Amino acid sequence: MKKIYYRKLIRDKIPEIINSKGGEFKTRILLKGEFEKELRKKLLEESKELLKAPRKDLVNELSDVLEVLKSIASYYKISFKKIEKYQIKKRKERGGFKKRLFLVWSSDK
């Protein structure tokens, strides 16, 4: 059997899924600092997948991004309600994206 090396953070049930299909695998538990780094890398990975996703796959990709965001918040012991509170505060102060504005240039910093 050919080995494919991933070297990335995976969801908890991936080993079970591989096993159920008769596959083999090797995993290890990440140290605290490694886990923190890999969570952030995972957010970037999932965001890139979202960027490339066709419209029909958006819900799936958005759910992956949300799962990683919630995992990062949990790791840092930040409640998701607190994040939502900051989101609302920022929207009030700086706006959202409803107007679809694209900044071409500015003389202001």
PDB file of N, CA and C in Angstrom:
ATOM      1  N   MET A   1       0.847  -1.182   0.000  1.00  0.00           N
ATOM      2  CA  MET A   1       0.000   0.000   0.000  1.00  0.00           C
ATOM      3  C   MET A   1       0.894   1.247   0.000  1.00  0.00           C
ATOM      4  N   LYS A   2       0.622   2.169  -0.921  1.00  0.00           N
ATOM      5  CA  LYS A   2       1.391   3.397  -1.044  1.00  0.00           C
ATOM      6  C   LYS A   2       1.002   4.372   0.070  1.00  0.00           C
ATOM      7  N   LYS A   3       2.017   4.959   0.708  1.00  0.00           N
ATOM      8  CA  LYS A   3       1.776   5.935   1.769  1.00  0.00           C
ATOM      9  C   LYS A   3       1.705   7.330   1.169  1.00  0.00           C
ATOM     10  N   ILE A   4       0.709   8.106   1.615  1.00  0.00           N
ATOM     11  CA  ILE A   4       0.588   9.514   1.241  1.00  0.00           C
ATOM     12  C   ILE A   4       0.817  10.311   2.511  1.00  0.00           C
ATOM     13  N   TYR A   5       1.811  11.186   2.503  1.00  0.00           N
ATOM     14  CA  TYR A   5       2.141  11.976   3.682  1.00  0.00           C
ATOM     15  C   TYR A   5       1.377  13.302   3.663  1.00  0.00           C
ATOM     16  N   TYR A   6       0.618  13.554   4.725  1.00  0.00           N
ATOM     17  CA  TYR A   6      -0.173  14.781   4.831  1.00  0.00           C
ATOM     18  C   TYR A   6       0.472  15.792   5.775  1.00  0.00           C
ATOM     19  N   ARG A   7       0.924  15.323   6.920  1.00  0.00           N
ATOM     20  CA  ARG A   7       1.565  16.175   7.930  1.00  0.00           C
ATOM     21  C   ARG A   7       0.740  17.433   8.228  1.00  0.00           C
ATOM     22  N   LYS A   8      -0.506  17.207   8.643  1.00  0.00           N
ATOM     23  CA  LYS A   8      -1.394  18.327   8.952  1.00  0.00           C
ATOM     24  C   LYS A   8      -2.393  17.921  10.022  1.00  0.00           C
ATOM     25  N   LEU A   9      -2.982  18.904  10.660  1.00  0.00           N
ATOM     26  CA  LEU A   9      -4.020  18.704  11.657  1.00  0.00           C
ATOM     27  C   LEU A   9      -5.258  18.132  10.967  1.00  0.00           C
ATOM     28  N   ILE A  10      -5.845  17.113  11.593  1.00  0.00           N
ATOM     29  CA  ILE A  10      -7.039  16.495  11.024  1.00  0.00           C
ATOM     30  C   ILE A  10      -8.164  16.477  12.056  1.00  0.00           C
ATOM     31  N   ARG A  11      -9.374  16.280  11.568  1.00  0.00           N
ATOM     32  CA  ARG A  11     -10.528  16.147  12.460  1.00  0.00           C
ATOM     33  C   ARG A  11     -10.423  14.841  13.246  1.00  0.00           C
ATOM     34  N   ASP A  12     -11.038  14.808  14.411  1.00  0.00           N
ATOM     35  CA  ASP A  12     -10.912  13.696  15.350  1.00  0.00           C
ATOM     36  C   ASP A  12     -11.334  12.335  14.807  1.00  0.00           C
ATOM     37  N   LYS A  13     -12.304  12.308  13.917  1.00  0.00           N
ATOM     38  CA  LYS A  13     -12.825  11.018  13.448  1.00  0.00           C
ATOM     39  C   LYS A  13     -12.183  10.518  12.150  1.00  0.00           C
ATOM     40  N   ILE A  14     -11.215  11.253  11.625  1.00  0.00           N
ATOM     41  CA  ILE A  14     -10.564  10.837  10.381  1.00  0.00           C
ATOM     42  C   ILE A  14      -9.900   9.458  10.513  1.00  0.00           C
ATOM     43  N   PRO A  15      -9.198   9.165  11.621  1.00  0.00           N
ATOM     44  CA  PRO A  15      -8.631   7.817  11.735  1.00  0.00           C
ATOM     45  C   PRO A  15      -9.676   6.701  11.665  1.00  0.00           C
ATOM     46  N   GLU A  16     -10.830   6.917  12.287  1.00  0.00           N
ATOM     47  CA  GLU A  16     -11.913   5.929  12.228  1.00  0.00           C
ATOM     48  C   GLU A  16     -12.394   5.729  10.796  1.00  0.00           C
ATOM     49  N   ILE A  17     -12.499   6.826  10.064  1.00  0.00           N
ATOM     50  CA  ILE A  17     -12.964   6.757   8.678  1.00  0.00           C
ATOM     51  C   ILE A  17     -11.955   5.991   7.820  1.00  0.00           C
ATOM     52  N   ILE A  18     -10.677   6.285   7.990  1.00  0.00           N
ATOM     53  CA  ILE A  18      -9.630   5.572   7.243  1.00  0.00           C
ATOM     54  C   ILE A  18      -9.675   4.090   7.586  1.00  0.00           C
ATOM     55  N   ASN A  19      -9.795   3.806   8.875  1.00  0.00           N
ATOM     56  CA  ASN A  19      -9.847   2.426   9.355  1.00  0.00           C
ATOM     57  C   ASN A  19     -11.032   1.664   8.766  1.00  0.00           C
ATOM     58  N   SER A  20     -12.192   2.317   8.725  1.00  0.00           N
ATOM     59  CA  SER A  20     -13.409   1.666   8.225  1.00  0.00           C
ATOM     60  C   SER A  20     -13.313   1.308   6.741  1.00  0.00           C
ATOM     61  N   LYS A  21     -12.416   1.997   6.038  1.00  0.00           N
ATOM     62  CA  LYS A  21     -12.220   1.724   4.608  1.00  0.00           C
ATOM     63  C   LYS A  21     -11.050   0.768   4.374  1.00  0.00           C
ATOM     64  N   GLY A  22     -10.511   0.237   5.478  1.00  0.00           N
ATOM     65  CA  GLY A  22      -9.418  -0.716   5.364  1.00  0.00           C
ATOM     66  C   GLY A  22      -8.051  -0.079   5.185  1.00  0.00           C
ATOM     67  N   GLY A  23      -7.963   1.212   5.382  1.00  0.00           N
ATOM     68  CA  GLY A  23      -6.694   1.900   5.228  1.00  0.00           C
ATOM     69  C   GLY A  23      -5.855   1.844   6.484  1.00  0.00           C
ATOM     70  N   GLU A  24      -4.596   2.173   6.330  1.00  0.00           N
ATOM     71  CA  GLU A  24      -3.675   2.258   7.455  1.00  0.00           C
ATOM     72  C   GLU A  24      -3.245   3.711   7.615  1.00  0.00           C
ATOM     73  N   PHE A  25      -2.787   4.061   8.799  1.00  0.00           N
ATOM     74  CA  PHE A  25      -2.390   5.443   9.049  1.00  0.00           C
ATOM     75  C   PHE A  25      -1.476   5.507  10.260  1.00  0.00           C
ATOM     76  N   LYS A  26      -0.853   6.626  10.423  1.00  0.00           N
ATOM     77  CA  LYS A  26      -0.085   6.918  11.631  1.00  0.00           C
ATOM     78  C   LYS A  26      -0.434   8.331  12.050  1.00  0.00           C
ATOM     79  N   THR A  27      -0.787   8.514  13.303  1.00  0.00           N
ATOM     80  CA  THR A  27      -1.063   9.834  13.861  1.00  0.00           C
ATOM     81  C   THR A  27      -0.187  10.029  15.089  1.00  0.00           C
ATOM     82  N   ARG A  28      -0.135  11.242  15.566  1.00  0.00           N
ATOM     83  CA  ARG A  28       0.505  11.538  16.846  1.00  0.00           C
ATOM     84  C   ARG A  28      -0.235  12.701  17.482  1.00  0.00           C
ATOM     85  N   ILE A  29      -0.102  12.829  18.780  1.00  0.00           N
ATOM     86  CA  ILE A  29      -0.730  13.928  19.509  1.00  0.00           C
ATOM     87  C   ILE A  29       0.219  15.126  19.469  1.00  0.00           C
ATOM     88  N   LEU A  30      -0.299  16.273  19.073  1.00  0.00           N
ATOM     89  CA  LEU A  30       0.514  17.484  19.000  1.00  0.00           C
ATOM     90  C   LEU A  30       0.745  18.073  20.385  1.00  0.00           C
ATOM     91  N   LEU A  31       1.929  18.617  20.567  1.00  0.00           N
ATOM     92  CA  LEU A  31       2.206  19.369  21.780  1.00  0.00           C
ATOM     93  C   LEU A  31       1.428  20.682  21.718  1.00  0.00           C
ATOM     94  N   LYS A  32       1.285  21.332  22.852  1.00  0.00           N
ATOM     95  CA  LYS A  32       0.480  22.556  22.938  1.00  0.00           C
ATOM     96  C   LYS A  32       0.871  23.602  21.892  1.00  0.00           C
ATOM     97  N   GLY A  33       2.143  23.929  21.822  1.00  0.00           N
ATOM     98  CA  GLY A  33       2.620  24.935  20.873  1.00  0.00           C
ATOM     99  C   GLY A  33       2.418  24.515  19.422  1.00  0.00           C
ATOM    100  N   GLU A  34       2.617  23.219  19.158  1.00  0.00           N
ATOM    101  CA  GLU A  34       2.398  22.689  17.808  1.00  0.00           C
ATOM    102  C   GLU A  34       0.929  22.809  17.427  1.00  0.00           C
ATOM    103  N   PHE A  35       0.055  22.451  18.380  1.00  0.00           N
ATOM    104  CA  PHE A  35      -1.383  22.495  18.119  1.00  0.00           C
ATOM    105  C   PHE A  35      -1.828  23.914  17.780  1.00  0.00           C
ATOM    106  N   GLU A  36      -1.344  24.875  18.546  1.00  0.00           N
ATOM    107  CA  GLU A  36      -1.675  26.282  18.297  1.00  0.00           C
ATOM    108  C   GLU A  36      -1.274  26.674  16.871  1.00  0.00           C
ATOM    109  N   LYS A  37      -0.060  26.338  16.483  1.00  0.00           N
ATOM    110  CA  LYS A  37       0.453  26.658  15.149  1.00  0.00           C
ATOM    111  C   LYS A  37      -0.364  25.942  14.067  1.00  0.00           C
ATOM    112  N   GLU A  38      -0.666  24.671  14.288  1.00  0.00           N
ATOM    113  CA  GLU A  38      -1.397  23.885  13.290  1.00  0.00           C
ATOM    114  C   GLU A  38      -2.846  24.347  13.148  1.00  0.00           C
ATOM    115  N   LEU A  39      -3.458  24.811  14.232  1.00  0.00           N
ATOM    116  CA  LEU A  39      -4.814  25.366  14.138  1.00  0.00           C
ATOM    117  C   LEU A  39      -4.829  26.581  13.211  1.00  0.00           C
ATOM    118  N   ARG A  40      -3.855  27.438  13.370  1.00  0.00           N
ATOM    119  CA  ARG A  40      -3.784  28.636  12.529  1.00  0.00           C
ATOM    120  C   ARG A  40      -3.516  28.261  11.076  1.00  0.00           C
ATOM    121  N   LYS A  41      -2.659  27.281  10.857  1.00  0.00           N
ATOM    122  CA  LYS A  41      -2.402  26.803   9.494  1.00  0.00           C
ATOM    123  C   LYS A  41      -3.671  26.189   8.888  1.00  0.00           C
ATOM    124  N   LYS A  42      -4.437  25.490   9.726  1.00  0.00           N
ATOM    125  CA  LYS A  42      -5.674  24.859   9.267  1.00  0.00           C
ATOM    126  C   LYS A  42      -6.681  25.913   8.826  1.00  0.00           C
ATOM    127  N   LEU A  43      -6.728  27.031   9.539  1.00  0.00           N
ATOM    128  CA  LEU A  43      -7.626  28.117   9.153  1.00  0.00           C
ATOM    129  C   LEU A  43      -7.262  28.630   7.767  1.00  0.00           C
ATOM    130  N   LEU A  44      -5.989  28.782   7.517  1.00  0.00           N
ATOM    131  CA  LEU A  44      -5.525  29.228   6.203  1.00  0.00           C
ATOM    132  C   LEU A  44      -5.877  28.191   5.135  1.00  0.00           C
ATOM    133  N   GLU A  45      -5.648  26.920   5.426  1.00  0.00           N
ATOM    134  CA  GLU A  45      -5.983  25.838   4.486  1.00  0.00           C
ATOM    135  C   GLU A  45      -7.471  25.853   4.134  1.00  0.00           C
ATOM    136  N   GLU A  46      -8.308  25.923   5.155  1.00  0.00           N
ATOM    137  CA  GLU A  46      -9.761  25.903   4.921  1.00  0.00           C
ATOM    138  C   GLU A  46     -10.215  27.173   4.210  1.00  0.00           C
ATOM    139  N   SER A  47      -9.596  28.303   4.508  1.00  0.00           N
ATOM    140  CA  SER A  47      -9.944  29.558   3.826  1.00  0.00           C
ATOM    141  C   SER A  47      -9.592  29.490   2.346  1.00  0.00           C
ATOM    142  N   LYS A  48      -8.470  28.875   2.028  1.00  0.00           N
ATOM    143  CA  LYS A  48      -8.077  28.710   0.625  1.00  0.00           C
ATOM    144  C   LYS A  48      -9.064  27.809  -0.112  1.00  0.00           C
ATOM    145  N   GLU A  49      -9.523  26.760   0.565  1.00  0.00           N
ATOM    146  CA  GLU A  49     -10.522  25.875  -0.044  1.00  0.00           C
ATOM    147  C   GLU A  49     -11.829  26.627  -0.280  1.00  0.00           C
ATOM    148  N   LEU A  50     -12.201  27.483   0.659  1.00  0.00           N
ATOM    149  CA  LEU A  50     -13.398  28.312   0.502  1.00  0.00           C
ATOM    150  C   LEU A  50     -13.256  29.231  -0.700  1.00  0.00           C
ATOM    151  N   LEU A  51     -12.098  29.824  -0.848  1.00  0.00           N
ATOM    152  CA  LEU A  51     -11.825  30.735  -1.956  1.00  0.00           C
ATOM    153  C   LEU A  51     -12.020  30.054  -3.309  1.00  0.00           C
ATOM    154  N   LYS A  52     -11.630  28.793  -3.406  1.00  0.00           N
ATOM    155  CA  LYS A  52     -11.697  28.057  -4.672  1.00  0.00           C
ATOM    156  C   LYS A  52     -13.030  27.339  -4.892  1.00  0.00           C
ATOM    157  N   ALA A  53     -13.847  27.265  -3.870  1.00  0.00           N
ATOM    158  CA  ALA A  53     -15.064  26.443  -3.920  1.00  0.00           C
ATOM    159  C   ALA A  53     -16.124  27.012  -4.863  1.00  0.00           C
ATOM    160  N   PRO A  54     -16.762  26.138  -5.635  1.00  0.00           N
ATOM    161  CA  PRO A  54     -17.915  26.587  -6.415  1.00  0.00           C
ATOM    162  C   PRO A  54     -19.084  26.877  -5.468  1.00  0.00           C
ATOM    163  N   ARG A  55     -20.024  27.637  -5.955  1.00  0.00           N
ATOM    164  CA  ARG A  55     -21.165  28.055  -5.129  1.00  0.00           C
ATOM    165  C   ARG A  55     -21.855  26.890  -4.423  1.00  0.00           C
ATOM    166  N   LYS A  56     -21.993  25.773  -5.103  1.00  0.00           N
ATOM    167  CA  LYS A  56     -22.696  24.622  -4.523  1.00  0.00           C
ATOM    168  C   LYS A  56     -21.973  24.022  -3.310  1.00  0.00           C
ATOM    169  N   ASP A  57     -20.683  24.308  -3.160  1.00  0.00           N
ATOM    170  CA  ASP A  57     -19.902  23.774  -2.045  1.00  0.00           C
ATOM    171  C   ASP A  57     -19.654  24.788  -0.929  1.00  0.00           C
ATOM    172  N   LEU A  58     -20.225  25.980  -1.050  1.00  0.00           N
ATOM    173  CA  LEU A  58     -19.950  27.037  -0.075  1.00  0.00           C
ATOM    174  C   LEU A  58     -20.353  26.671   1.349  1.00  0.00           C
ATOM    175  N   VAL A  59     -21.510  26.061   1.526  1.00  0.00           N
ATOM    176  CA  VAL A  59     -21.958  25.719   2.882  1.00  0.00           C
ATOM    177  C   VAL A  59     -20.962  24.760   3.531  1.00  0.00           C
ATOM    178  N   ASN A  60     -20.516  23.778   2.781  1.00  0.00           N
ATOM    179  CA  ASN A  60     -19.543  22.814   3.291  1.00  0.00           C
ATOM    180  C   ASN A  60     -18.239  23.508   3.693  1.00  0.00           C
ATOM    181  N   GLU A  61     -17.728  24.346   2.839  1.00  0.00           N
ATOM    182  CA  GLU A  61     -16.456  25.029   3.114  1.00  0.00           C
ATOM    183  C   GLU A  61     -16.599  26.058   4.236  1.00  0.00           C
ATOM    184  N   LEU A  62     -17.715  26.764   4.274  1.00  0.00           N
ATOM    185  CA  LEU A  62     -17.955  27.714   5.368  1.00  0.00           C
ATOM    186  C   LEU A  62     -18.032  26.990   6.711  1.00  0.00           C
ATOM    187  N   SER A  63     -18.638  25.807   6.714  1.00  0.00           N
ATOM    188  CA  SER A  63     -18.726  25.050   7.965  1.00  0.00           C
ATOM    189  C   SER A  63     -17.344  24.605   8.433  1.00  0.00           C
ATOM    190  N   ASP A  64     -16.451  24.281   7.492  1.00  0.00           N
ATOM    191  CA  ASP A  64     -15.075  23.927   7.864  1.00  0.00           C
ATOM    192  C   ASP A  64     -14.351  25.121   8.481  1.00  0.00           C
ATOM    193  N   VAL A  65     -14.496  26.281   7.878  1.00  0.00           N
ATOM    194  CA  VAL A  65     -13.861  27.496   8.406  1.00  0.00           C
ATOM    195  C   VAL A  65     -14.411  27.789   9.806  1.00  0.00           C
ATOM    196  N   LEU A  66     -15.718  27.681   9.969  1.00  0.00           N
ATOM    197  CA  LEU A  66     -16.343  27.947  11.265  1.00  0.00           C
ATOM    198  C   LEU A  66     -15.852  26.960  12.326  1.00  0.00           C
ATOM    199  N   GLU A  67     -15.706  25.702  11.961  1.00  0.00           N
ATOM    200  CA  GLU A  67     -15.212  24.691  12.905  1.00  0.00           C
ATOM    201  C   GLU A  67     -13.812  25.055  13.395  1.00  0.00           C
ATOM    202  N   VAL A  68     -12.949  25.474  12.481  1.00  0.00           N
ATOM    203  CA  VAL A  68     -11.584  25.860  12.872  1.00  0.00           C
ATOM    204  C   VAL A  68     -11.617  27.127  13.727  1.00  0.00           C
ATOM    205  N   LEU A  69     -12.440  28.104  13.344  1.00  0.00           N
ATOM    206  CA  LEU A  69     -12.549  29.328  14.142  1.00  0.00           C
ATOM    207  C   LEU A  69     -12.997  29.015  15.574  1.00  0.00           C
ATOM    208  N   LYS A  70     -13.983  28.158  15.704  1.00  0.00           N
ATOM    209  CA  LYS A  70     -14.473  27.791  17.034  1.00  0.00           C
ATOM    210  C   LYS A  70     -13.421  27.013  17.815  1.00  0.00           C
ATOM    211  N   SER A  71     -12.631  26.200  17.121  1.00  0.00           N
ATOM    212  CA  SER A  71     -11.562  25.451  17.784  1.00  0.00           C
ATOM    213  C   SER A  71     -10.465  26.388  18.282  1.00  0.00           C
ATOM    214  N   ILE A  72     -10.129  27.390  17.485  1.00  0.00           N
ATOM    215  CA  ILE A  72      -9.135  28.377  17.909  1.00  0.00           C
ATOM    216  C   ILE A  72      -9.648  29.144  19.125  1.00  0.00           C
ATOM    217  N   ALA A  73     -10.892  29.574  19.075  1.00  0.00           N
ATOM    218  CA  ALA A  73     -11.486  30.294  20.208  1.00  0.00           C
ATOM    219  C   ALA A  73     -11.459  29.422  21.465  1.00  0.00           C
ATOM    220  N   SER A  74     -11.817  28.174  21.321  1.00  0.00           N
ATOM    221  CA  SER A  74     -11.824  27.253  22.449  1.00  0.00           C
ATOM    222  C   SER A  74     -10.419  27.056  23.015  1.00  0.00           C
ATOM    223  N   TYR A  75      -9.446  26.932  22.140  1.00  0.00           N
ATOM    224  CA  TYR A  75      -8.055  26.749  22.572  1.00  0.00           C
ATOM    225  C   TYR A  75      -7.598  27.919  23.446  1.00  0.00           C
ATOM    226  N   TYR A  76      -7.974  29.121  23.048  1.00  0.00           N
ATOM    227  CA  TYR A  76      -7.591  30.317  23.792  1.00  0.00           C
ATOM    228  C   TYR A  76      -8.600  30.680  24.888  1.00  0.00           C
ATOM    229  N   LYS A  77      -9.594  29.816  25.075  1.00  0.00           N
ATOM    230  CA  LYS A  77     -10.630  30.029  26.092  1.00  0.00           C
ATOM    231  C   LYS A  77     -11.375  31.354  25.881  1.00  0.00           C
ATOM    232  N   ILE A  78     -11.680  31.618  24.619  1.00  0.00           N
ATOM    233  CA  ILE A  78     -12.457  32.799  24.252  1.00  0.00           C
ATOM    234  C   ILE A  78     -13.841  32.309  23.844  1.00  0.00           C
ATOM    235  N   SER A  79     -14.862  32.780  24.512  1.00  0.00           N
ATOM    236  CA  SER A  79     -16.208  32.323  24.173  1.00  0.00           C
ATOM    237  C   SER A  79     -16.613  32.868  22.801  1.00  0.00           C
ATOM    238  N   PHE A  80     -17.377  32.078  22.082  1.00  0.00           N
ATOM    239  CA  PHE A  80     -17.817  32.525  20.764  1.00  0.00           C
ATOM    240  C   PHE A  80     -18.768  33.710  20.887  1.00  0.00           C
ATOM    241  N   LYS A  81     -19.472  33.785  22.002  1.00  0.00           N
ATOM    242  CA  LYS A  81     -20.343  34.947  22.245  1.00  0.00           C
ATOM    243  C   LYS A  81     -19.519  36.224  22.331  1.00  0.00           C
ATOM    244  N   LYS A  82     -18.337  36.138  22.935  1.00  0.00           N
ATOM    245  CA  LYS A  82     -17.460  37.299  23.031  1.00  0.00           C
ATOM    246  C   LYS A  82     -16.982  37.722  21.642  1.00  0.00           C
ATOM    247  N   ILE A  83     -16.665  36.755  20.819  1.00  0.00           N
ATOM    248  CA  ILE A  83     -16.236  37.052  19.446  1.00  0.00           C
ATOM    249  C   ILE A  83     -17.377  37.723  18.682  1.00  0.00           C
ATOM    250  N   GLU A  84     -18.581  37.188  18.828  1.00  0.00           N
ATOM    251  CA  GLU A  84     -19.742  37.781  18.156  1.00  0.00           C
ATOM    252  C   GLU A  84     -19.986  39.204  18.652  1.00  0.00           C
ATOM    253  N   LYS A  85     -19.763  39.445  19.925  1.00  0.00           N
ATOM    254  CA  LYS A  85     -19.923  40.779  20.497  1.00  0.00           C
ATOM    255  C   LYS A  85     -18.943  41.755  19.828  1.00  0.00           C
ATOM    256  N   TYR A  86     -17.686  41.327  19.679  1.00  0.00           N
ATOM    257  CA  TYR A  86     -16.682  42.163  19.016  1.00  0.00           C
ATOM    258  C   TYR A  86     -17.029  42.374  17.542  1.00  0.00           C
ATOM    259  N   GLN A  87     -17.569  41.339  16.919  1.00  0.00           N
ATOM    260  CA  GLN A  87     -17.977  41.446  15.516  1.00  0.00           C
ATOM    261  C   GLN A  87     -19.041  42.526  15.358  1.00  0.00           C
ATOM    262  N   ILE A  88     -20.023  42.522  16.226  1.00  0.00           N
ATOM    263  CA  ILE A  88     -21.102  43.520  16.176  1.00  0.00           C
ATOM    264  C   ILE A  88     -20.539  44.919  16.436  1.00  0.00           C
ATOM    265  N   LYS A  89     -19.644  45.025  17.425  1.00  0.00           N
ATOM    266  CA  LYS A  89     -19.020  46.307  17.747  1.00  0.00           C
ATOM    267  C   LYS A  89     -18.248  46.842  16.539  1.00  0.00           C
ATOM    268  N   LYS A  90     -17.469  45.989  15.901  1.00  0.00           N
ATOM    269  CA  LYS A  90     -16.696  46.419  14.726  1.00  0.00           C
ATOM    270  C   LYS A  90     -17.616  46.813  13.574  1.00  0.00           C
ATOM    271  N   ARG A  91     -18.706  46.069  13.404  1.00  0.00           N
ATOM    272  CA  ARG A  91     -19.649  46.397  12.328  1.00  0.00           C
ATOM    273  C   ARG A  91     -20.249  47.764  12.559  1.00  0.00           C
ATOM    274  N   LYS A  92     -20.579  48.075  13.818  1.00  0.00           N
ATOM    275  CA  LYS A  92     -21.140  49.393  14.139  1.00  0.00           C
ATOM    276  C   LYS A  92     -20.124  50.502  13.887  1.00  0.00           C
ATOM    277  N   GLU A  93     -18.856  50.246  14.238  1.00  0.00           N
ATOM    278  CA  GLU A  93     -17.813  51.254  14.100  1.00  0.00           C
ATOM    279  C   GLU A  93     -17.300  51.403  12.666  1.00  0.00           C
ATOM    280  N   ARG A  94     -17.124  50.288  11.985  1.00  0.00           N
ATOM    281  CA  ARG A  94     -16.467  50.299  10.673  1.00  0.00           C
ATOM    282  C   ARG A  94     -17.354  49.822   9.521  1.00  0.00           C
ATOM    283  N   GLY A  95     -18.524  49.293   9.866  1.00  0.00           N
ATOM    284  CA  GLY A  95     -19.438  48.801   8.845  1.00  0.00           C
ATOM    285  C   GLY A  95     -19.206  47.334   8.541  1.00  0.00           C
ATOM    286  N   GLY A  96     -20.067  46.820   7.685  1.00  0.00           N
ATOM    287  CA  GLY A  96     -19.948  45.435   7.244  1.00  0.00           C
ATOM    288  C   GLY A  96     -19.457  45.425   5.810  1.00  0.00           C
ATOM    289  N   PHE A  97     -20.037  44.551   5.006  1.00  0.00           N
ATOM    290  CA  PHE A  97     -19.634  44.444   3.606  1.00  0.00           C
ATOM    291  C   PHE A  97     -20.836  44.483   2.659  1.00  0.00           C
ATOM    292  N   LYS A  98     -21.971  44.937   3.156  1.00  0.00           N
ATOM    293  CA  LYS A  98     -23.194  44.959   2.352  1.00  0.00           C
ATOM    294  C   LYS A  98     -23.104  45.861   1.131  1.00  0.00           C
ATOM    295  N   LYS A  99     -22.357  46.942   1.240  1.00  0.00           N
ATOM    296  CA  LYS A  99     -22.268  47.901   0.128  1.00  0.00           C
ATOM    297  C   LYS A  99     -21.316  47.434  -0.976  1.00  0.00           C
ATOM    298  N   ARG A 100     -20.604  46.355  -0.734  1.00  0.00           N
ATOM    299  CA  ARG A 100     -19.679  45.772  -1.726  1.00  0.00           C
ATOM    300  C   ARG A 100     -18.613  46.769  -2.194  1.00  0.00           C
ATOM    301  N   LEU A 101     -18.131  47.595  -1.280  1.00  0.00           N
ATOM    302  CA  LEU A 101     -17.142  48.620  -1.612  1.00  0.00           C
ATOM    303  C   LEU A 101     -15.768  48.002  -1.847  1.00  0.00           C
ATOM    304  N   PHE A 102     -15.055  48.520  -2.838  1.00  0.00           N
ATOM    305  CA  PHE A 102     -13.709  48.062  -3.189  1.00  0.00           C
ATOM    306  C   PHE A 102     -12.825  49.293  -3.235  1.00  0.00           C
ATOM    307  N   LEU A 103     -11.856  49.408  -2.340  1.00  0.00           N
ATOM    308  CA  LEU A 103     -10.990  50.574  -2.267  1.00  0.00           C
ATOM    309  C   LEU A 103      -9.920  50.491  -3.348  1.00  0.00           C
ATOM    310  N   VAL A 104      -9.961  51.433  -4.273  1.00  0.00           N
ATOM    311  CA  VAL A 104      -8.981  51.467  -5.352  1.00  0.00           C
ATOM    312  C   VAL A 104      -7.732  52.219  -4.899  1.00  0.00           C
ATOM    313  N   TRP A 105      -7.915  53.365  -4.283  1.00  0.00           N
ATOM    314  CA  TRP A 105      -6.785  54.125  -3.745  1.00  0.00           C
ATOM    315  C   TRP A 105      -7.277  55.069  -2.678  1.00  0.00           C
ATOM    316  N   SER A 106      -6.328  55.593  -1.895  1.00  0.00           N
ATOM    317  CA  SER A 106      -6.645  56.560  -0.843  1.00  0.00           C
ATOM    318  C   SER A 106      -5.389  57.364  -0.547  1.00  0.00           C
ATOM    319  N   SER A 107      -5.580  58.627  -0.198  1.00  0.00           N
ATOM    320  CA  SER A 107      -4.447  59.448   0.217  1.00  0.00           C
ATOM    321  C   SER A 107      -4.357  59.467   1.738  1.00  0.00           C
ATOM    322  N   ASP A 108      -5.293  58.824   2.383  1.00  0.00           N
ATOM    323  CA  ASP A 108      -5.355  58.758   3.841  1.00  0.00           C
ATOM    324  C   ASP A 108      -4.800  57.415   4.299  1.00  0.00           C
ATOM    325  N   LYS A 109      -4.149  57.411   5.463  1.00  0.00           N
ATOM    326  CA  LYS A 109      -3.571  56.157   5.962  1.00  0.00           C
ATOM    327  C   LYS A 109      -4.560  55.360   6.765  1.00  0.00           C
TER     328      LYS A 109
END
